[in-house]
C-alpha atoms as a PDB file:
ATOM      1  CA  MET A   1       0.310  16.700  -2.231  1.00  0.00           C
ATOM      2  CA  ALA A   2       1.500  13.510  -4.339  1.00  0.00           C
ATOM      3  CA  HIS A   3       1.179  10.420  -4.774  1.00  0.00           C
ATOM      4  CA  TRP A   4       3.255   7.428  -4.361  1.00  0.00           C
ATOM      5  CA  THR A   5       3.300   3.393  -5.393  1.00  0.00           C
ATOM      6  CA  VAL A   6       4.279   1.214  -1.613  1.00  0.00           C
ATOM      7  CA  ARG A   7       5.289  -2.604  -2.529  1.00  0.00           C
ATOM      8  CA  VAL A   8       4.705  -4.418   0.111  1.00  0.00           C
ATOM      9  CA  LYS A   9       5.116  -7.452   1.057  1.00  0.00           C
ATOM     10  CA  THR A  10       3.071  -9.907   3.055  1.00  0.00           C
ATOM     11  CA  THR A  11       3.174 -13.179   4.156  1.00  0.00           C
ATOM     12  CA  GLU A  12       0.075 -15.124   5.048  1.00  0.00           C
ATOM     13  CA  GLU A  13      -0.994 -18.121   6.454  1.00  0.00           C
ATOM     14  CA  THR A  14      -3.120 -20.494   5.210  1.00  0.00           C
ATOM     15  CA  ASP A  15      -6.037 -23.319   6.421  1.00  0.00           C
ATOM     16  CA  ASP A  16      -3.730 -25.948   6.305  1.00  0.00           C
ATOM     17  CA  GLY A  17      -0.648 -23.731   7.344  1.00  0.00           C
ATOM     18  CA  LYS A  18       1.197 -23.133   3.311  1.00  0.00           C
ATOM     19  CA  LEU A  19       3.021 -19.029   3.431  1.00  0.00           C
ATOM     20  CA  ILE A  20       1.642 -17.943  -0.139  1.00  0.00           C
ATOM     21  CA  ARG A  21       4.050 -14.037   0.517  1.00  0.00           C
ATOM     22  CA  LYS A  22       3.968 -11.497  -2.186  1.00  0.00           C
ATOM     23  CA  ILE A  23       4.631  -8.446  -3.522  1.00  0.00           C
ATOM     24  CA  GLU A  24       1.051  -6.607  -3.882  1.00  0.00           C
ATOM     25  CA  PRO A  25       1.575  -2.659  -5.238  1.00  0.00           C
ATOM     26  CA  PHE A  26      -0.479  -0.078  -2.519  1.00  0.00           C
ATOM     27  CA  LEU A  27      -1.053   3.216  -4.348  1.00  0.00           C
ATOM     28  CA  VAL A  28      -0.395   6.070  -1.035  1.00  0.00           C
ATOM     29  CA  LYS A  29      -2.274  10.039  -1.803  1.00  0.00           C
ATOM     30  CA  ALA A  30       0.891  11.851   1.157  1.00  0.00           C
ATOM     31  CA  ASP A  31       3.723  14.399   0.696  1.00  0.00           C
ATOM     32  CA  THR A  32       6.689  12.474   1.795  1.00  0.00           C
ATOM     33  CA  ILE A  33       7.640   9.048   1.996  1.00  0.00           C
ATOM     34  CA  GLU A  34       7.799   8.929   5.721  1.00  0.00           C
ATOM     35  CA  GLU A  35       4.348   9.591   5.207  1.00  0.00           C
ATOM     36  CA  SER A  36       3.295   6.920   3.426  1.00  0.00           C
ATOM     37  CA  GLN A  37       4.691   4.210   5.166  1.00  0.00           C
ATOM     38  CA  ALA A  38       3.265   5.967   8.104  1.00  0.00           C
ATOM     39  CA  ARG A  39      -0.478   5.183   6.238  1.00  0.00           C
ATOM     40  CA  ILE A  40       0.002   1.651   5.544  1.00  0.00           C
ATOM     41  CA  ARG A  41       1.758   1.068   8.859  1.00  0.00           C
ATOM     42  CA  GLU A  42      -1.949   2.657  10.464  1.00  0.00           C
ATOM     43  CA  TYR A  43      -3.659   0.351   7.510  1.00  0.00           C
ATOM     44  CA  PHE A  44      -1.948  -3.037   8.422  1.00  0.00           C
ATOM     45  CA  LYS A  45      -2.539  -2.538  11.811  1.00  0.00           C
ATOM     46  CA  GLY A  46      -4.047  -4.846  14.017  1.00  0.00           C
ATOM     47  CA  MET A  47      -3.795  -6.886  11.037  1.00  0.00           C
ATOM     48  CA  THR A  48      -2.169 -10.948  11.908  1.00  0.00           C
ATOM     49  CA  ILE A  49      -0.198 -11.110   7.729  1.00  0.00           C
ATOM     50  CA  ASP A  50       3.310 -10.613   8.375  1.00  0.00           C
ATOM     51  CA  TYR A  51       4.885  -7.326   6.259  1.00  0.00           C
ATOM     52  CA  GLU A  52       8.107  -5.456   4.718  1.00  0.00           C
ATOM     53  CA  PHE A  53       8.415  -1.999   2.532  1.00  0.00           C
ATOM     54  CA  HIS A  54       9.388  -3.818  -0.822  1.00  0.00           C
ATOM     55  CA  SER A  55      10.146  -0.309  -2.524  1.00  0.00           C
ATOM     56  CA  VAL A  56       9.145   3.474  -2.650  1.00  0.00           C
ATOM     57  CA  SER A  57       8.603   4.624  -6.340  1.00  0.00           C
ATOM     58  CA  LYS A  58       7.449   8.087  -6.753  1.00  0.00           C
ATOM     59  CA  SER A  59       4.059   7.706  -9.407  1.00  0.00           C
ATOM     60  CA  ASN A  60       2.829   9.645 -12.438  1.00  0.00           C
ATOM     61  CA  ILE A  61      -0.262   9.668 -11.071  1.00  0.00           C
ATOM     62  CA  ILE A  62      -2.013  12.795 -11.004  1.00  0.00           C
ATOM     63  CA  GLY A  63      -5.608  12.031  -9.778  1.00  0.00           C
ATOM     64  CA  TYR A  64      -7.932   9.617  -9.476  1.00  0.00           C
ATOM     65  CA  ILE A  65     -11.705   9.020  -9.898  1.00  0.00           C
ATOM     66  CA  ASP A  66     -13.681   7.045  -8.458  1.00  0.00           C
ATOM     67  CA  GLY A  67     -17.227   4.973  -9.719  1.00  0.00           C
ATOM     68  CA  GLU A  68     -19.431   8.398  -8.748  1.00  0.00           C
ATOM     69  CA  GLY A  69     -17.377  10.499 -10.986  1.00  0.00           C
ATOM     70  CA  ASN A  70     -15.346  12.343  -8.616  1.00  0.00           C
ATOM     71  CA  VAL A  71     -12.172  13.013  -8.430  1.00  0.00           C
ATOM     72  CA  SER A  72      -8.688  12.753  -6.753  1.00  0.00           C
ATOM     73  CA  GLU A  73      -5.873  14.626  -7.328  1.00  0.00           C
END
């Protein structure tokens, strides 16, 4: 499995009606680009935030170590 950097454009409306647009990076563990995008779609499922994919690229990250020392490769 590979790690993918998926950059997502989001648009949120504040309480006073202003639109906030930003590009947010996600690190996704998946076999393919398509699978990484599917995981992002699942993440945003049911949210009221508008989003679209900005870019997807294979990451050079080989693993993740959480705060308890657990390693995910």
